[in-house]
Amino acid sequence: MSVEICTVYAGVNGLDDDYTFFEDGTIKRFYDRNPHRLNLTEYLKPSDIRGSKLERIIANCPKEHLDKIKKILNLS
């Protein structure tokens, strides 16, 4: 695995939904599906992230990493 750029929190209603971005373009998602299915992990492609999740990631991304994250998500 490559060097971590940052982790962005995009959760709602007390459920985790964290996206960790790496310099090699890898995206790791750590999330809770519901109160009974917690602490799940999956690896995503940029095309897997869209709609309101994409908007929350961009809105919550640390400003110093925003350009790199947009590039990984094919937004720039």
Protein backbone atom coordinates (compact mmCIF):
# COMPACT_ATOMS: atom_id res chain seq x y z
CA MET A 1 0.00 0.00 0.00
CA SER A 2 1.11 3.50 -0.77
CA VAL A 3 1.54 6.53 1.46
CA GLU A 4 -1.67 7.88 3.00
CA ILE A 5 -2.78 11.35 1.87
CA CYS A 6 -5.69 11.85 4.27
CA THR A 7 -8.89 10.40 5.70
CA VAL A 8 -12.19 12.16 5.10
CA TYR A 9 -15.22 11.60 7.34
CA ALA A 10 -18.50 11.47 5.38
CA GLY A 11 -20.76 9.74 7.91
CA VAL A 12 -24.30 10.65 8.84
CA ASN A 13 -26.58 9.84 11.78
CA GLY A 14 -23.74 8.59 13.97
CA LEU A 15 -22.61 5.90 11.53
CA ASP A 16 -18.98 5.89 10.42
CA ASP A 17 -18.22 6.44 6.75
CA ASP A 18 -14.52 7.26 6.43
CA TYR A 19 -12.58 7.38 3.18
CA THR A 20 -8.79 7.10 3.26
CA PHE A 21 -6.97 8.20 0.13
CA PHE A 22 -3.49 7.00 -0.82
CA GLU A 23 -0.94 8.45 -3.23
CA ASP A 24 -1.23 5.45 -5.58
CA GLY A 25 -4.96 6.20 -6.05
CA THR A 26 -6.21 3.52 -3.65
CA ILE A 27 -9.37 4.45 -1.73
CA LYS A 28 -10.14 2.56 1.49
CA ARG A 29 -13.61 2.88 3.00
CA PHE A 30 -14.20 2.13 6.69
CA TYR A 31 -17.91 2.26 7.49
CA ASP A 32 -20.91 1.10 9.48
CA ARG A 33 -23.76 -0.33 7.40
CA ASN A 34 -26.23 -0.01 10.30
CA PRO A 35 -26.11 -0.16 14.13
CA HIS A 36 -25.77 -3.95 13.96
CA ARG A 37 -23.11 -4.15 11.21
CA LEU A 38 -20.20 -1.98 12.31
CA ASN A 39 -16.55 -1.51 11.35
CA LEU A 40 -16.63 -2.81 7.79
CA THR A 41 -13.82 -2.17 5.28
CA GLU A 42 -13.80 -2.16 1.50
CA TYR A 43 -11.58 -0.81 -1.27
CA LEU A 44 -13.18 1.35 -3.92
CA LYS A 45 -12.57 2.68 -7.41
CA PRO A 46 -13.19 6.39 -7.98
CA SER A 47 -16.25 5.51 -10.09
CA ASP A 48 -17.81 3.80 -7.04
CA ILE A 49 -18.15 7.16 -5.28
CA ARG A 50 -20.92 9.42 -6.58
CA GLY A 51 -23.89 11.50 -5.58
CA SER A 52 -24.26 12.70 -2.01
CA LYS A 53 -21.25 10.68 -0.80
CA LEU A 54 -19.02 12.42 -3.33
CA GLU A 55 -20.41 15.80 -2.27
CA ARG A 56 -19.77 15.05 1.43
CA ILE A 57 -16.22 13.89 0.73
CA ILE A 58 -15.41 17.09 -1.18
CA ALA A 59 -17.11 19.27 1.45
CA ASN A 60 -15.24 17.59 4.34
CA CYS A 61 -11.85 17.18 2.66
CA PRO A 62 -9.02 19.14 4.32
CA LYS A 63 -8.26 22.12 2.07
CA GLU A 64 -4.56 21.25 1.85
CA HIS A 65 -5.43 17.89 0.23
CA LEU A 66 -8.42 18.90 -1.88
CA ASP A 67 -6.55 19.12 -5.21
CA LYS A 68 -5.00 15.65 -4.79
CA ILE A 69 -8.34 14.12 -3.77
CA LYS A 70 -10.15 15.71 -6.71
CA LYS A 71 -7.50 14.31 -9.04
CA ILE A 72 -7.91 10.79 -7.60
CA LEU A 73 -11.70 11.11 -8.00
CA ASN A 74 -11.26 12.33 -11.61
CA LEU A 75 -12.84 15.70 -10.82
CA SER A 76 -10.01 17.93 -12.05
